[in-house]
Amino acid sequence: MVSNDSDPPVIGLSTYSEQAKFLAWDTEATLLHRVYADCVVKAGGIPVLLPPVSTAYDALVGRIDGLVLTGGADVEPSRYDQEPHPATYIRPERDAFEFGLFAAARAAGKPVLGVCRGLQVMSVALGGTLSQHLPETLGDATHQPAPATFGTSTVNLVDGTRAAAILGRETKVQCYHHQAIDRLGSGLVASGHAADGTVEAAEVPGEFVLGVQWHPEQDGDDVRLFAALVNAAQEGK
């Protein structure tokens, strides 16, 4: 947690643009699971929602101290030179926004945490590829058991990595993904794996650029990843 008396760092959270129903309305909305914001607050930061409607990436990044690329739809396969699998669902507008944010954050030296889709965005942005449907490649649906149902997994972290420094050598996680890293993007190293070999964490050595394939926001009692991001953001202010 942030322990000094200066203003808490501002953490930008990428959001969805989706059709949504609330009160009397059925309309397109900018939204995000509240638990992301709650975790940032518990970690000592100030959450700010970033809707995928702007191309002013440098200006946006200049107003935040750290960035979370959140979970959501699949990355457009054309970005890694593949045709879409029938199970792939995309949001190209969001891809463009988050790829732009990620590039601007790295250029500005701002810490970045990628969550599920966020890890995949980071890797594809750096030239990586994805396995588009794990039930076919692995033969089971362990990582996404059913709609709106999180799977559970044990992730082993690699000694000497930032992920291991934050979480230890092993951590229990909640996961919800039907895609995963195939080839890592340039500069990324795998820092965590599931028992079946799936890359569950990856990072850029020497930078706070860390992505995890699971959903840490689903455990509000364990905000270590968010706290690490907030502390890195505070140090960079």
Foldseek 3Di string as FASTA:
>chain_A
DDDDDDQFFEEEEEWDFAQDDDDPDGGTDTDDPCLVQLLLVVLRHHYDYDYLPDLPQLVVLVRGLAYEHEDDFADQQVLQPDDADPPHDDDPSSLSSLLSNVVNCVVVQHAYEYEANGQVSVFSSQNFHKDRFQCVVVVACQQAPDVPDWHKFKKAFDPPDPVCVQPNGIDIFTHHDRMATDGGGPQKDQGIATPSGTRAKIARPPGNYIYGNTGPSVDSVDSSVSSVSSVRSVVVD
